[in-house]
Amino acid sequence: MSELPPPPPEGEDAPRAEGEESSGTGPALKATEPARPDVRTPRRLVWHDRPLLPHPPKTPRWPFVLGAVALVALLVLLATNPDTFMTASNTASPASSATSPAAPSSPAYVIFDDGSFGFIINAFKCADISPTNSCTADLHVFNSSSQAQTYFAANQYLFDKAGNRYDSSQDLTEVSNDIADVNPGLSVDVSVRFMLPAGAVPDHLQLHDSAFSDGVDAPLCPTSNGPSGQSYAACG
């Protein structure tokens, strides 16, 4: 008769044969892993997806300070010396004076206007050259319009006391500036000669700014009669 194995110590299970499952009566010996603490890796903050903009440069304040100082100095100067600024403004010539027509040397003159031109008779003299009478008109012509205008001696006429009209004698004359372009605000001095029959007495000039204008009559009054001929002036 075989001997029985001694019982296991209290609290321990008997050894199991190979392939024998636990009866469930004793606690199962199972190795368990200890619980890991919940430790999370901190997230790295990445800034490359939104680059940091540099701070804008600060505007210097010294220009504003200098401007304020200059303004205060100007106001003080204006308050203490107002006559200085008034004198400078009064001595400046107006821009319109540059375009004013130049008056002839004679203190008294009459302006005859037709269209763009104003006419001043500086002198009118007739010389008896048998069998004709040669008369020369010295005119000061200025352009009072805003655009250039061409002066033609052929557009000027002389009338005698009988009402006869005489054209300018361009082919027989030594006149200057038979044709002249006159810009706005400028003037030109011209001479026009007329040939009249002997005994004809000049009465008035008819002055035109163009061949199509109505013209303006400039009456002539005798002033003196000398060896060189009869002189006339515009009647005011």
Protein backbone atom coordinates (compact mmCIF):
# COMPACT_ATOMS: atom_id res chain seq x y z
CA MET A 1 0.00 0.00 0.00
CA SER A 2 1.42 3.29 -1.17
CA GLU A 3 1.91 6.23 1.11
CA LEU A 4 -0.18 9.40 0.67
CA PRO A 5 1.63 12.71 0.17
CA PRO A 6 1.56 15.03 3.11
CA PRO A 7 -1.11 17.75 2.99
CA PRO A 8 0.01 21.20 1.84
CA PRO A 9 0.51 23.87 4.38
CA GLU A 10 -2.50 25.95 5.36
CA GLY A 11 -3.29 28.63 2.86
CA GLU A 12 -1.58 26.96 -0.03
CA ASP A 13 -3.17 24.85 -2.72
CA ALA A 14 -2.04 21.42 -3.42
CA PRO A 15 0.19 21.07 -6.40
CA ARG A 16 -1.69 20.33 -9.61
CA ALA A 17 -0.83 17.61 -11.95
CA GLU A 18 0.10 18.55 -15.50
CA GLY A 19 -3.04 19.39 -17.45
CA GLU A 20 -5.19 19.66 -14.31
CA GLU A 21 -7.27 22.82 -14.03
CA SER A 22 -7.91 24.62 -10.82
CA SER A 23 -10.84 23.42 -8.88
CA GLY A 24 -11.78 26.98 -8.04
CA THR A 25 -11.86 26.38 -4.39
CA GLY A 26 -8.68 28.35 -3.66
CA PRO A 27 -7.60 31.77 -4.85
CA ALA A 28 -6.04 31.74 -8.27
CA LEU A 29 -2.48 32.86 -8.41
CA LYS A 30 -2.30 35.38 -11.30
CA ALA A 31 0.45 37.91 -11.79
CA THR A 32 -1.02 41.39 -12.28
CA GLU A 33 0.87 44.50 -13.56
CA PRO A 34 0.79 47.58 -11.37
CA ALA A 35 -1.42 50.43 -12.67
CA ARG A 36 0.50 53.10 -14.58
CA PRO A 37 -0.12 56.68 -13.62
CA ASP A 38 -1.95 58.83 -16.24
CA VAL A 39 0.96 60.96 -17.30
CA ARG A 40 0.45 62.86 -20.61
CA THR A 41 3.26 64.30 -22.63
CA PRO A 42 2.88 68.13 -22.72
CA ARG A 43 2.13 69.55 -26.20
CA ARG A 44 4.83 71.67 -27.71
CA LEU A 45 3.58 75.02 -28.95
CA VAL A 46 4.62 75.54 -32.55
CA TRP A 47 4.58 79.12 -33.80
CA HIS A 48 5.91 78.71 -37.31
CA ASP A 49 2.40 78.52 -38.76
CA ARG A 50 1.77 82.15 -37.65
CA PRO A 51 5.00 84.13 -37.63
CA LEU A 52 5.28 86.98 -35.20
CA LEU A 53 5.19 90.39 -36.88
CA PRO A 54 7.83 92.92 -35.89
CA HIS A 55 6.69 96.00 -34.06
CA PRO A 56 6.20 99.02 -36.35
CA PRO A 57 8.87 101.68 -35.97
CA LYS A 58 7.93 104.57 -33.78
CA THR A 59 7.36 107.89 -35.53
CA PRO A 60 9.81 110.49 -34.29
CA ARG A 61 8.15 113.42 -32.59
CA TRP A 62 10.82 116.05 -33.18
CA PRO A 63 9.45 117.21 -36.60
CA PHE A 64 6.10 118.04 -34.98
CA VAL A 65 7.86 119.87 -32.18
CA LEU A 66 9.93 121.94 -34.62
CA GLY A 67 6.85 122.72 -36.72
CA ALA A 68 4.94 123.90 -33.65
CA VAL A 69 7.86 126.10 -32.57
CA ALA A 70 8.14 127.63 -36.06
CA LEU A 71 4.40 128.32 -36.17
CA VAL A 72 4.46 130.04 -32.78
CA ALA A 73 7.47 132.14 -33.86
CA LEU A 74 5.67 133.18 -37.07
CA LEU A 75 2.54 134.18 -35.16
CA VAL A 76 4.59 136.22 -32.70
CA LEU A 77 6.44 137.95 -35.55
CA LEU A 78 3.18 138.72 -37.35
CA ALA A 79 1.64 140.12 -34.18
CA THR A 80 4.62 142.34 -33.37
CA ASN A 81 5.49 143.50 -36.94
CA PRO A 82 2.36 143.53 -39.12
CA ASP A 83 3.70 146.36 -41.30
CA THR A 84 6.50 144.17 -42.63
CA PHE A 85 4.10 141.73 -44.24
CA MET A 86 1.78 144.44 -45.53
CA THR A 87 4.66 146.25 -47.22
CA ALA A 88 5.85 143.07 -48.95
CA SER A 89 2.36 142.35 -50.28
CA ASN A 90 1.81 145.91 -51.49
CA THR A 91 5.10 146.16 -53.36
CA ALA A 92 4.44 142.99 -55.38
CA SER A 93 3.17 143.91 -58.82
CA PRO A 94 -0.10 142.25 -59.83
CA ALA A 95 0.02 139.62 -62.54
CA SER A 96 -2.42 141.59 -64.68
CA SER A 97 0.05 144.45 -65.07
CA ALA A 98 2.28 142.21 -67.19
CA THR A 99 -0.45 141.93 -69.81
CA SER A 100 -1.54 145.58 -69.78
CA PRO A 101 -1.01 147.31 -73.12
CA ALA A 102 1.82 149.79 -73.23
CA ALA A 103 0.60 153.35 -73.67
CA PRO A 104 2.34 155.69 -76.12
CA SER A 105 4.64 158.41 -74.90
CA SER A 106 1.96 161.08 -75.35
CA PRO A 107 0.14 161.78 -72.06
CA ALA A 108 -3.23 162.02 -73.80
CA TYR A 109 -4.41 159.32 -76.16
CA VAL A 110 -7.65 157.73 -77.38
CA ILE A 111 -8.17 153.98 -77.74
CA PHE A 112 -10.32 152.71 -80.60
CA ASP A 113 -11.46 149.11 -80.06
CA ASP A 114 -12.49 146.64 -82.72
CA GLY A 115 -12.76 142.94 -81.91
CA SER A 116 -9.53 141.66 -80.37
CA PHE A 117 -7.50 144.79 -81.14
CA GLY A 118 -7.26 148.19 -79.56
CA PHE A 119 -5.79 150.97 -81.72
CA ILE A 120 -3.99 154.14 -80.65
CA ILE A 121 -3.01 156.75 -83.23
CA ASN A 122 0.47 157.91 -82.32
CA ALA A 123 0.79 160.19 -85.31
CA PHE A 124 -0.84 160.97 -88.66
CA LYS A 125 0.89 163.17 -91.22
CA CYS A 126 0.25 164.02 -94.85
CA ALA A 127 2.82 165.32 -97.34
CA ASP A 128 1.86 166.89 -100.66
CA ILE A 129 3.79 164.98 -103.29
CA SER A 130 2.54 166.30 -106.60
CA PRO A 131 0.35 165.08 -108.08
CA THR A 132 -0.62 162.99 -105.05
CA ASN A 133 -0.93 163.40 -101.32
CA SER A 134 0.88 160.78 -99.23
CA CYS A 135 -0.46 160.21 -95.71
CA THR A 136 1.15 157.95 -93.10
CA ALA A 137 -0.56 156.68 -89.95
CA ASP A 138 1.61 155.48 -87.05
CA LEU A 139 -0.47 153.07 -84.99
CA HIS A 140 -0.01 151.28 -81.68
CA VAL A 141 -1.96 148.00 -81.84
CA PHE A 142 -2.49 145.77 -78.79
CA ASN A 143 -4.33 142.48 -78.39
CA SER A 144 -6.88 142.62 -75.55
CA SER A 145 -8.30 139.12 -76.15
CA SER A 146 -7.29 135.71 -74.80
CA GLN A 147 -5.95 134.34 -78.08
CA ALA A 148 -3.48 135.37 -80.75
CA GLN A 149 -4.66 137.59 -83.59
CA THR A 150 -2.97 138.57 -86.85
CA TYR A 151 -2.78 142.21 -87.84
CA PHE A 152 -3.01 143.14 -91.54
CA ALA A 153 -2.28 146.61 -92.88
CA ALA A 154 -4.56 145.79 -95.80
CA ASN A 155 -7.55 145.80 -93.41
CA GLN A 156 -7.10 149.50 -92.52
CA TYR A 157 -8.80 152.27 -94.54
CA LEU A 158 -8.74 156.08 -94.82
CA PHE A 159 -11.77 158.23 -95.70
CA ASP A 160 -11.62 161.81 -96.92
CA LYS A 161 -14.09 164.62 -96.35
CA ALA A 162 -15.94 163.65 -99.54
CA GLY A 163 -16.54 160.12 -98.25
CA ASN A 164 -14.08 158.38 -100.57
CA ARG A 165 -12.39 155.29 -99.18
CA TYR A 166 -8.67 154.61 -99.71
CA ASP A 167 -6.87 151.32 -99.22
CA SER A 168 -3.38 151.10 -97.81
CA SER A 169 -0.68 151.45 -100.47
CA GLN A 170 1.47 148.47 -99.67
CA ASP A 171 3.21 148.42 -103.02
CA LEU A 172 4.30 152.05 -102.81
CA THR A 173 5.13 152.36 -99.16
CA GLU A 174 8.02 151.84 -96.83
CA VAL A 175 5.71 150.80 -94.00
CA SER A 176 6.81 148.44 -91.27
CA ASN A 177 4.89 145.36 -90.12
CA ASP A 178 2.34 145.02 -92.91
CA ILE A 179 1.49 141.67 -91.27
CA ALA A 180 2.13 140.90 -87.61
CA ASP A 181 1.02 138.16 -85.23
CA VAL A 182 0.06 139.68 -81.87
CA ASN A 183 -0.22 137.37 -78.87
CA PRO A 184 -2.68 138.04 -76.01
CA GLY A 185 -1.64 140.98 -73.86
CA LEU A 186 1.10 142.10 -76.27
CA SER A 187 1.29 145.00 -78.70
CA VAL A 188 3.04 146.09 -81.88
CA ASP A 189 3.83 149.46 -83.47
CA VAL A 190 3.03 149.67 -87.17
CA SER A 191 2.91 152.29 -89.92
CA VAL A 192 0.37 152.41 -92.74
CA ARG A 193 0.63 154.68 -95.81
CA PHE A 194 -2.24 155.92 -97.97
CA MET A 195 -2.01 157.68 -101.35
CA LEU A 196 -4.67 160.38 -101.93
CA PRO A 197 -5.22 162.66 -104.93
CA ALA A 198 -4.08 166.24 -104.63
CA GLY A 199 -6.58 168.36 -102.76
CA ALA A 200 -8.17 165.45 -100.85
CA VAL A 201 -8.54 166.16 -97.12
CA PRO A 202 -8.37 163.22 -94.69
CA ASP A 203 -11.38 162.84 -92.43
CA HIS A 204 -11.06 159.59 -90.46
CA LEU A 205 -9.44 156.19 -90.34
CA GLN A 206 -11.46 152.98 -90.28
CA LEU A 207 -9.55 150.37 -88.24
CA HIS A 208 -10.24 146.62 -88.29
CA ASP A 209 -8.94 143.63 -86.34
CA SER A 210 -9.81 141.41 -89.34
CA ALA A 211 -11.24 141.64 -92.83
CA PHE A 212 -14.67 140.52 -91.55
CA SER A 213 -15.11 142.94 -88.64
CA ASP A 214 -17.31 146.05 -88.72
CA GLY A 215 -14.34 148.27 -87.90
CA VAL A 216 -14.17 151.40 -85.80
CA ASP A 217 -13.98 154.99 -87.05
CA ALA A 218 -11.14 157.11 -85.70
CA PRO A 219 -11.77 160.79 -86.58
CA LEU A 220 -8.77 162.97 -87.48
CA CYS A 221 -8.32 166.58 -86.47
CA PRO A 222 -5.59 168.84 -87.95
CA THR A 223 -3.06 170.03 -85.39
CA SER A 224 -0.30 171.82 -87.27
CA ASN A 225 0.80 172.62 -90.79
CA GLY A 226 4.51 172.92 -91.48
CA PRO A 227 7.00 172.59 -94.29
CA SER A 228 6.95 168.80 -93.95
CA GLY A 229 3.19 168.63 -94.31
CA GLN A 230 -0.07 168.62 -92.38
CA SER A 231 -0.20 166.81 -89.05
CA TYR A 232 -3.33 165.29 -87.54
CA ALA A 233 -4.31 163.71 -84.25
CA ALA A 234 -7.18 161.57 -83.14
CA CYS A 235 -10.18 163.59 -82.08
CA GLY A 236 -11.32 162.59 -78.63
